């Protein structure tokens, strides 16, 4: 790949992660000489992919960058937006986090920091599929759908012949649980993993003016922390990451 193209893509990726940056910040982060960086930025500005605030001399991406991702699905776009935020959560809290999104009647992992967590006991990569009703991610997404979409989804689960499809009293109990999740703003789920008992905590990702798009889920060893302490320690950071992901995704769709 020609060096100029490589540097241009590196600048786009850096601005996508940081939202805006000065030449000094970009040069430091990318280790590109300033003279070369000015030429790359001038080309990106001339081509309409980057704009510059002349007052603060800060560069940021323009909506034209989305043309580079034509054919890129909304799910993949949200995952791309989420990755730097998920990495930030793992750097702060150490435990692995993922973005799970609805796919039919299941949840599919669209982004994950399992590779970056020093204490991830098990690995669940991108594309890993999970049940809707027996995971923190699935319950969180289900709880934050509107009533009509939730009913349609549960009917689809029942038609698919899922062994855990709720009916009768089980459906009533599920609705109570989903209401509690909506009121708290997060869901939890315990399960036996391959090497340890794990607890998952999930918070919803909702693009402003739209439906819930998925959930950020953190997994930690159940023996490491009591649930109330884990909620107090983890949920605020996760909510802030979800807010930033939704904000950036919403801005990209305008």
C-alpha atoms as a PDB file:
ATOM      1  CA  UNK A   1       0.000   0.000   0.000  1.00  0.00           C
ATOM      2  CA  UNK A   2       1.440   3.443  -0.921  1.00  0.00           C
ATOM      3  CA  UNK A   3       2.612   5.326   2.160  1.00  0.00           C
ATOM      4  CA  UNK A   4       0.390   8.339   1.446  1.00  0.00           C
ATOM      5  CA  UNK A   5      -2.724   6.135   1.258  1.00  0.00           C
ATOM      6  CA  UNK A   6      -1.720   4.294   4.411  1.00  0.00           C
ATOM      7  CA  UNK A   7      -1.230   7.566   6.249  1.00  0.00           C
ATOM      8  CA  UNK A   8      -4.537   8.934   4.984  1.00  0.00           C
ATOM      9  CA  UNK A   9      -6.398   5.887   6.266  1.00  0.00           C
ATOM     10  CA  UNK A  10      -4.540   6.127   9.587  1.00  0.00           C
ATOM     11  CA  UNK A  11      -5.663   9.751   9.956  1.00  0.00           C
ATOM     12  CA  UNK A  12      -9.290   8.816   9.200  1.00  0.00           C
ATOM     13  CA  UNK A  13      -9.177   6.021  11.777  1.00  0.00           C
ATOM     14  CA  UNK A  14      -7.621   8.300  14.386  1.00  0.00           C
ATOM     15  CA  UNK A  15     -10.206  11.030  13.847  1.00  0.00           C
ATOM     16  CA  UNK A  16     -12.980   8.438  13.972  1.00  0.00           C
ATOM     17  CA  UNK A  17     -11.731   7.326  17.397  1.00  0.00           C
ATOM     18  CA  UNK A  18     -11.121  10.801  18.840  1.00  0.00           C
ATOM     19  CA  UNK A  19     -13.816  12.858  17.045  1.00  0.00           C
ATOM     20  CA  UNK A  20     -11.386  15.775  16.513  1.00  0.00           C
ATOM     21  CA  UNK A  21      -7.666  16.443  16.887  1.00  0.00           C
ATOM     22  CA  UNK A  22      -4.941  18.977  16.195  1.00  0.00           C
ATOM     23  CA  UNK A  23      -1.929  18.313  13.987  1.00  0.00           C
ATOM     24  CA  UNK A  24       0.227  18.009  17.114  1.00  0.00           C
ATOM     25  CA  UNK A  25      -2.122  15.392  18.608  1.00  0.00           C
ATOM     26  CA  UNK A  26      -2.282  13.413  15.377  1.00  0.00           C
ATOM     27  CA  UNK A  27       1.476  13.546  14.857  1.00  0.00           C
ATOM     28  CA  UNK A  28       2.060  12.285  18.374  1.00  0.00           C
ATOM     29  CA  UNK A  29      -0.528   9.500  18.103  1.00  0.00           C
ATOM     30  CA  UNK A  30       0.399   8.339  14.602  1.00  0.00           C
ATOM     31  CA  UNK A  31       4.131   9.113  14.646  1.00  0.00           C
ATOM     32  CA  UNK A  32       3.895  10.851  11.292  1.00  0.00           C
ATOM     33  CA  UNK A  33       6.182  13.845  10.645  1.00  0.00           C
ATOM     34  CA  UNK A  34       4.218  17.083  10.779  1.00  0.00           C
ATOM     35  CA  UNK A  35       5.232  18.141   7.281  1.00  0.00           C
ATOM     36  CA  UNK A  36       3.885  14.869   5.883  1.00  0.00           C
ATOM     37  CA  UNK A  37       0.783  15.089   8.076  1.00  0.00           C
ATOM     38  CA  UNK A  38      -0.059  18.571   6.784  1.00  0.00           C
ATOM     39  CA  UNK A  39       0.055  17.226   3.207  1.00  0.00           C
ATOM     40  CA  UNK A  40      -2.189  14.266   4.076  1.00  0.00           C
ATOM     41  CA  UNK A  41      -4.698  16.511   5.874  1.00  0.00           C
ATOM     42  CA  UNK A  42      -4.707  19.014   3.014  1.00  0.00           C
ATOM     43  CA  UNK A  43      -5.595  16.207   0.585  1.00  0.00           C
ATOM     44  CA  UNK A  44      -8.369  14.880   2.853  1.00  0.00           C
ATOM     45  CA  UNK A  45      -9.786  18.395   3.286  1.00  0.00           C
ATOM     46  CA  UNK A  46      -9.655  19.052  -0.471  1.00  0.00           C
ATOM     47  CA  UNK A  47     -11.455  15.761  -1.145  1.00  0.00           C
ATOM     48  CA  UNK A  48     -14.153  16.572   1.402  1.00  0.00           C
ATOM     49  CA  UNK A  49     -13.446  13.787   3.908  1.00  0.00           C
ATOM     50  CA  UNK A  50     -12.052  16.062   6.632  1.00  0.00           C
ATOM     51  CA  UNK A  51     -12.867  19.604   7.744  1.00  0.00           C
ATOM     52  CA  UNK A  52     -10.860  21.982   9.910  1.00  0.00           C
ATOM     53  CA  UNK A  53     -12.012  24.453  12.539  1.00  0.00           C
ATOM     54  CA  UNK A  54      -9.797  27.420  11.683  1.00  0.00           C
ATOM     55  CA  UNK A  55     -10.329  29.013  15.090  1.00  0.00           C
ATOM     56  CA  UNK A  56      -9.051  26.051  17.116  1.00  0.00           C
ATOM     57  CA  UNK A  57      -7.114  24.332  14.313  1.00  0.00           C
ATOM     58  CA  UNK A  58      -8.855  21.053  15.049  1.00  0.00           C
ATOM     59  CA  UNK A  59      -9.605  18.532  12.325  1.00  0.00           C
ATOM     60  CA  UNK A  60     -12.677  16.278  12.212  1.00  0.00           C
ATOM     61  CA  UNK A  61     -14.350  13.915   9.774  1.00  0.00           C
ATOM     62  CA  UNK A  62     -17.182  15.039   7.506  1.00  0.00           C
ATOM     63  CA  UNK A  63     -20.321  13.022   6.652  1.00  0.00           C
ATOM     64  CA  UNK A  64     -18.695  12.144   3.314  1.00  0.00           C
ATOM     65  CA  UNK A  65     -16.626   9.521   5.127  1.00  0.00           C
ATOM     66  CA  UNK A  66     -19.760   7.386   5.258  1.00  0.00           C
ATOM     67  CA  UNK A  67     -19.457   6.992   1.475  1.00  0.00           C
ATOM     68  CA  UNK A  68     -16.417   4.816   2.198  1.00  0.00           C
ATOM     69  CA  UNK A  69     -18.723   2.353   3.923  1.00  0.00           C
ATOM     70  CA  UNK A  70     -21.462   2.013   1.304  1.00  0.00           C
ATOM     71  CA  UNK A  71     -22.780  -1.522   1.666  1.00  0.00           C
ATOM     72  CA  UNK A  72     -21.753  -1.511   5.305  1.00  0.00           C
ATOM     73  CA  UNK A  73     -24.781  -2.625   7.346  1.00  0.00           C
ATOM     74  CA  UNK A  74     -26.120  -0.569  10.259  1.00  0.00           C
ATOM     75  CA  UNK A  75     -25.022  -3.341  12.624  1.00  0.00           C
ATOM     76  CA  UNK A  76     -21.457  -3.255  11.326  1.00  0.00           C
ATOM     77  CA  UNK A  77     -21.449   0.539  11.403  1.00  0.00           C
ATOM     78  CA  UNK A  78     -22.537   0.566  15.044  1.00  0.00           C
ATOM     79  CA  UNK A  79     -19.899  -2.050  15.849  1.00  0.00           C
ATOM     80  CA  UNK A  80     -17.210   0.093  14.234  1.00  0.00           C
ATOM     81  CA  UNK A  81     -18.337   3.089  16.259  1.00  0.00           C
ATOM     82  CA  UNK A  82     -18.444   0.989  19.432  1.00  0.00           C
ATOM     83  CA  UNK A  83     -14.994  -0.606  19.276  1.00  0.00           C
ATOM     84  CA  UNK A  84     -12.919   2.285  20.653  1.00  0.00           C
ATOM     85  CA  UNK A  85     -15.462   2.840  23.425  1.00  0.00           C
ATOM     86  CA  UNK A  86     -15.451  -0.838  24.388  1.00  0.00           C
ATOM     87  CA  UNK A  87     -11.657  -0.826  24.501  1.00  0.00           C
ATOM     88  CA  UNK A  88     -11.788   2.212  26.755  1.00  0.00           C
ATOM     89  CA  UNK A  89     -14.114   0.377  29.147  1.00  0.00           C
ATOM     90  CA  UNK A  90     -11.794  -2.619  29.295  1.00  0.00           C
ATOM     91  CA  UNK A  91      -8.763  -0.397  29.864  1.00  0.00           C
ATOM     92  CA  UNK A  92     -10.610   1.217  32.763  1.00  0.00           C
ATOM     93  CA  UNK A  93     -12.244  -1.861  34.313  1.00  0.00           C
ATOM     94  CA  UNK A  94      -9.968  -4.676  33.020  1.00  0.00           C
ATOM     95  CA  UNK A  95     -12.861  -7.111  32.417  1.00  0.00           C
ATOM     96  CA  UNK A  96     -13.971  -8.046  28.869  1.00  0.00           C
ATOM     97  CA  UNK A  97     -16.937  -6.267  27.310  1.00  0.00           C
ATOM     98  CA  UNK A  98     -18.903  -6.835  24.134  1.00  0.00           C
ATOM     99  CA  UNK A  99     -21.583  -5.272  21.975  1.00  0.00           C
ATOM    100  CA  UNK A 100     -24.440  -7.704  21.335  1.00  0.00           C
ATOM    101  CA  UNK A 101     -27.203  -7.032  18.837  1.00  0.00           C
ATOM    102  CA  UNK A 102     -30.449  -8.713  17.924  1.00  0.00           C
ATOM    103  CA  UNK A 103     -30.322 -11.102  14.956  1.00  0.00           C
ATOM    104  CA  UNK A 104     -33.610 -12.888  14.383  1.00  0.00           C
ATOM    105  CA  UNK A 105     -34.480 -14.461  17.729  1.00  0.00           C
ATOM    106  CA  UNK A 106     -30.880 -14.565  18.950  1.00  0.00           C
ATOM    107  CA  UNK A 107     -28.164 -12.176  20.048  1.00  0.00           C
ATOM    108  CA  UNK A 108     -24.973 -11.976  17.994  1.00  0.00           C
ATOM    109  CA  UNK A 109     -21.697 -10.478  19.230  1.00  0.00           C
ATOM    110  CA  UNK A 110     -20.739  -7.607  16.919  1.00  0.00           C
ATOM    111  CA  UNK A 111     -17.688  -6.323  18.804  1.00  0.00           C
ATOM    112  CA  UNK A 112     -15.657  -7.692  21.691  1.00  0.00           C
ATOM    113  CA  UNK A 113     -12.622  -6.874  23.824  1.00  0.00           C
ATOM    114  CA  UNK A 114     -11.946 -10.440  24.945  1.00  0.00           C
ATOM    115  CA  UNK A 115      -8.593 -10.260  23.137  1.00  0.00           C
ATOM    116  CA  UNK A 116      -7.634  -7.092  25.019  1.00  0.00           C
ATOM    117  CA  UNK A 117      -8.687  -8.091  28.531  1.00  0.00           C
ATOM    118  CA  UNK A 118      -5.879  -9.491  30.684  1.00  0.00           C
ATOM    119  CA  UNK A 119      -8.396 -11.400  32.810  1.00  0.00           C
ATOM    120  CA  UNK A 120     -10.831 -12.812  30.260  1.00  0.00           C
ATOM    121  CA  UNK A 121     -11.388 -16.409  31.368  1.00  0.00           C
ATOM    122  CA  UNK A 122     -13.274 -17.420  28.211  1.00  0.00           C
ATOM    123  CA  UNK A 123     -13.238 -16.003  24.704  1.00  0.00           C
ATOM    124  CA  UNK A 124     -16.356 -15.116  22.705  1.00  0.00           C
ATOM    125  CA  UNK A 125     -15.419 -13.592  19.372  1.00  0.00           C
ATOM    126  CA  UNK A 126     -17.342 -11.542  16.847  1.00  0.00           C
ATOM    127  CA  UNK A 127     -20.156 -13.598  15.334  1.00  0.00           C
ATOM    128  CA  UNK A 128     -20.764 -15.690  18.450  1.00  0.00           C
ATOM    129  CA  UNK A 129     -24.514 -16.289  18.827  1.00  0.00           C
ATOM    130  CA  UNK A 130     -26.359 -16.389  22.162  1.00  0.00           C
ATOM    131  CA  UNK A 131     -29.927 -17.145  23.243  1.00  0.00           C
ATOM    132  CA  UNK A 132     -32.264 -14.246  23.877  1.00  0.00           C
ATOM    133  CA  UNK A 133     -33.841 -15.288  27.176  1.00  0.00           C
ATOM    134  CA  UNK A 134     -30.898 -16.740  29.075  1.00  0.00           C
ATOM    135  CA  UNK A 135     -28.267 -14.020  28.672  1.00  0.00           C
ATOM    136  CA  UNK A 136     -27.881 -10.565  30.211  1.00  0.00           C
ATOM    137  CA  UNK A 137     -27.525  -9.083  26.718  1.00  0.00           C
ATOM    138  CA  UNK A 138     -30.712 -10.683  25.414  1.00  0.00           C
ATOM    139  CA  UNK A 139     -32.774  -9.733  28.441  1.00  0.00           C
ATOM    140  CA  UNK A 140     -31.489  -6.162  28.333  1.00  0.00           C
ATOM    141  CA  UNK A 141     -32.361  -5.742  24.652  1.00  0.00           C
ATOM    142  CA  UNK A 142     -35.747  -7.400  25.094  1.00  0.00           C
ATOM    143  CA  UNK A 143     -36.620  -5.259  28.113  1.00  0.00           C
ATOM    144  CA  UNK A 144     -35.918  -2.014  26.269  1.00  0.00           C
ATOM    145  CA  UNK A 145     -37.894  -2.784  23.112  1.00  0.00           C
ATOM    146  CA  UNK A 146     -41.332  -1.217  22.888  1.00  0.00           C
ATOM    147  CA  UNK A 147     -44.227  -3.452  23.898  1.00  0.00           C
ATOM    148  CA  UNK A 148     -45.303  -4.324  20.363  1.00  0.00           C
ATOM    149  CA  UNK A 149     -41.795  -5.275  19.217  1.00  0.00           C
ATOM    150  CA  UNK A 150     -41.261  -7.271  22.411  1.00  0.00           C
ATOM    151  CA  UNK A 151     -44.484  -9.229  21.927  1.00  0.00           C
ATOM    152  CA  UNK A 152     -43.653  -9.951  18.282  1.00  0.00           C
ATOM    153  CA  UNK A 153     -40.193 -11.176  19.244  1.00  0.00           C
ATOM    154  CA  UNK A 154     -41.458 -13.472  21.989  1.00  0.00           C
ATOM    155  CA  UNK A 155     -44.029 -14.908  19.590  1.00  0.00           C
ATOM    156  CA  UNK A 156     -41.232 -15.563  17.109  1.00  0.00           C
ATOM    157  CA  UNK A 157     -39.234 -17.329  19.838  1.00  0.00           C
ATOM    158  CA  UNK A 158     -42.238 -19.539  20.574  1.00  0.00           C
ATOM    159  CA  UNK A 159     -42.787 -20.320  16.876  1.00  0.00           C
ATOM    160  CA  UNK A 160     -39.130 -21.273  16.552  1.00  0.00           C
ATOM    161  CA  UNK A 161     -39.757 -23.977  19.147  1.00  0.00           C
ATOM    162  CA  UNK A 162     -37.255 -22.676  21.684  1.00  0.00           C
ATOM    163  CA  UNK A 163     -37.359 -24.867  24.799  1.00  0.00           C
ATOM    164  CA  UNK A 164     -37.212 -21.780  27.033  1.00  0.00           C
ATOM    165  CA  UNK A 165     -40.068 -19.918  25.305  1.00  0.00           C
ATOM    166  CA  UNK A 166     -42.198 -18.540  28.169  1.00  0.00           C
ATOM    167  CA  UNK A 167     -45.917 -19.257  28.491  1.00  0.00           C
ATOM    168  CA  UNK A 168     -48.546 -18.752  31.150  1.00  0.00           C
ATOM    169  CA  UNK A 169     -47.027 -17.970  34.534  1.00  0.00           C
ATOM    170  CA  UNK A 170     -43.531 -18.032  33.042  1.00  0.00           C
ATOM    171  CA  UNK A 171     -44.521 -15.240  30.642  1.00  0.00           C
ATOM    172  CA  UNK A 172     -45.948 -13.229  33.548  1.00  0.00           C
ATOM    173  CA  UNK A 173     -42.764 -13.738  35.557  1.00  0.00           C
ATOM    174  CA  UNK A 174     -40.688 -12.700  32.539  1.00  0.00           C
ATOM    175  CA  UNK A 175     -42.680  -9.476  32.129  1.00  0.00           C
ATOM    176  CA  UNK A 176     -42.068  -8.664  35.794  1.00  0.00           C
ATOM    177  CA  UNK A 177     -38.354  -9.244  35.325  1.00  0.00           C
ATOM    178  CA  UNK A 178     -38.240  -7.138  32.167  1.00  0.00           C
ATOM    179  CA  UNK A 179     -40.032  -4.300  33.950  1.00  0.00           C
ATOM    180  CA  UNK A 180     -37.421  -4.424  36.721  1.00  0.00           C
ATOM    181  CA  UNK A 181     -34.646  -4.289  34.120  1.00  0.00           C
ATOM    182  CA  UNK A 182     -36.211  -1.231  32.465  1.00  0.00           C
ATOM    183  CA  UNK A 183     -36.570   0.501  35.831  1.00  0.00           C
ATOM    184  CA  UNK A 184     -32.949  -0.218  36.810  1.00  0.00           C
ATOM    185  CA  UNK A 185     -31.563   0.398  33.341  1.00  0.00           C
ATOM    186  CA  UNK A 186     -29.420  -2.751  33.304  1.00  0.00           C
ATOM    187  CA  UNK A 187     -29.719  -6.537  33.435  1.00  0.00           C
ATOM    188  CA  UNK A 188     -27.624  -9.238  35.105  1.00  0.00           C
ATOM    189  CA  UNK A 189     -27.210 -12.954  34.554  1.00  0.00           C
ATOM    190  CA  UNK A 190     -25.140 -15.674  36.240  1.00  0.00           C
ATOM    191  CA  UNK A 191     -23.876 -18.717  34.407  1.00  0.00           C
ATOM    192  CA  UNK A 192     -21.290 -21.436  34.644  1.00  0.00           C
ATOM    193  CA  UNK A 193     -18.575 -20.817  32.077  1.00  0.00           C
ATOM    194  CA  UNK A 194     -15.901 -23.220  30.919  1.00  0.00           C
ATOM    195  CA  UNK A 195     -13.493 -22.319  33.702  1.00  0.00           C
ATOM    196  CA  UNK A 196     -15.377 -20.292  36.313  1.00  0.00           C
ATOM    197  CA  UNK A 197     -18.746 -18.969  37.470  1.00  0.00           C
ATOM    198  CA  UNK A 198     -19.346 -15.655  35.723  1.00  0.00           C
ATOM    199  CA  UNK A 199     -21.767 -12.778  36.125  1.00  0.00           C
ATOM    200  CA  UNK A 200     -22.732 -10.611  33.161  1.00  0.00           C
ATOM    201  CA  UNK A 201     -24.057  -7.045  33.400  1.00  0.00           C
ATOM    202  CA  UNK A 202     -25.642  -5.405  30.338  1.00  0.00           C
ATOM    203  CA  UNK A 203     -26.743  -1.830  29.610  1.00  0.00           C
ATOM    204  CA  UNK A 204     -28.748  -0.807  26.524  1.00  0.00           C
ATOM    205  CA  UNK A 205     -27.471   1.181  23.554  1.00  0.00           C
ATOM    206  CA  UNK A 206     -30.239   3.380  22.168  1.00  0.00           C
ATOM    207  CA  UNK A 207     -29.588   5.820  19.323  1.00  0.00           C
ATOM    208  CA  UNK A 208     -31.385   9.141  20.043  1.00  0.00           C
ATOM    209  CA  UNK A 209     -34.867   9.103  18.541  1.00  0.00           C
ATOM    210  CA  UNK A 210     -34.691   5.403  17.740  1.00  0.00           C
ATOM    211  CA  UNK A 211     -35.163   1.957  19.209  1.00  0.00           C
ATOM    212  CA  UNK A 212     -32.660   0.079  21.301  1.00  0.00           C
ATOM    213  CA  UNK A 213     -29.901  -1.168  18.998  1.00  0.00           C
ATOM    214  CA  UNK A 214     -28.128  -3.582  21.292  1.00  0.00           C
ATOM    215  CA  UNK A 215     -26.405  -3.804  24.644  1.00  0.00           C
ATOM    216  CA  UNK A 216     -22.936  -3.472  26.099  1.00  0.00           C
ATOM    217  CA  UNK A 217     -22.193  -6.450  28.325  1.00  0.00           C
ATOM    218  CA  UNK A 218     -19.363  -6.882  30.830  1.00  0.00           C
ATOM    219  CA  UNK A 219     -18.401 -10.311  32.157  1.00  0.00           C
ATOM    220  CA  UNK A 220     -16.565 -10.810  35.437  1.00  0.00           C
ATOM    221  CA  UNK A 221     -15.709 -13.708  37.724  1.00  0.00           C
ATOM    222  CA  UNK A 222     -18.541 -14.028  40.215  1.00  0.00           C
ATOM    223  CA  UNK A 223     -16.104 -14.746  43.067  1.00  0.00           C
ATOM    224  CA  UNK A 224     -14.221 -11.491  42.426  1.00  0.00           C
ATOM    225  CA  UNK A 225     -16.959  -9.101  43.490  1.00  0.00           C
ATOM    226  CA  UNK A 226     -20.387  -9.136  45.132  1.00  0.00           C
ATOM    227  CA  UNK A 227     -23.129  -8.031  42.723  1.00  0.00           C
ATOM    228  CA  UNK A 228     -24.020  -4.727  44.493  1.00  0.00           C
ATOM    229  CA  UNK A 229     -20.361  -3.694  44.473  1.00  0.00           C
ATOM    230  CA  UNK A 230     -19.987  -4.754  40.835  1.00  0.00           C
ATOM    231  CA  UNK A 231     -23.030  -2.709  39.819  1.00  0.00           C
ATOM    232  CA  UNK A 232     -21.701   0.336  41.639  1.00  0.00           C
ATOM    233  CA  UNK A 233     -18.247  -0.048  40.109  1.00  0.00           C
ATOM    234  CA  UNK A 234     -19.081  -1.072  36.543  1.00  0.00           C
ATOM    235  CA  UNK A 235     -22.477   0.319  35.512  1.00  0.00           C
ATOM    236  CA  UNK A 236     -21.649   4.075  35.457  1.00  0.00           C
ATOM    237  CA  UNK A 237     -18.669   3.502  33.139  1.00  0.00           C
ATOM    238  CA  UNK A 238     -20.720   1.194  30.926  1.00  0.00           C
ATOM    239  CA  UNK A 239     -23.586   3.688  30.713  1.00  0.00           C
ATOM    240  CA  UNK A 240     -21.237   6.461  29.694  1.00  0.00           C
ATOM    241  CA  UNK A 241     -19.773   4.253  26.964  1.00  0.00           C
ATOM    242  CA  UNK A 242     -23.281   3.360  25.741  1.00  0.00           C
ATOM    243  CA  UNK A 243     -24.202   7.040  25.677  1.00  0.00           C
ATOM    244  CA  UNK A 244     -21.122   7.922  23.642  1.00  0.00           C
ATOM    245  CA  UNK A 245     -21.698   5.064  21.196  1.00  0.00           C
ATOM    246  CA  UNK A 246     -25.317   6.080  20.673  1.00  0.00           C
ATOM    247  CA  UNK A 247     -24.362   9.734  20.293  1.00  0.00           C
ATOM    248  CA  UNK A 248     -21.673   9.020  17.710  1.00  0.00           C
ATOM    249  CA  UNK A 249     -23.870   6.545  15.821  1.00  0.00           C
ATOM    250  CA  UNK A 250     -26.735   9.035  15.770  1.00  0.00           C
ATOM    251  CA  UNK A 251     -24.460  11.797  14.498  1.00  0.00           C
ATOM    252  CA  UNK A 252     -23.182   9.524  11.741  1.00  0.00           C
ATOM    253  CA  UNK A 253     -26.724   8.812  10.542  1.00  0.00           C
ATOM    254  CA  UNK A 254     -27.684  12.465  10.162  1.00  0.00           C
END
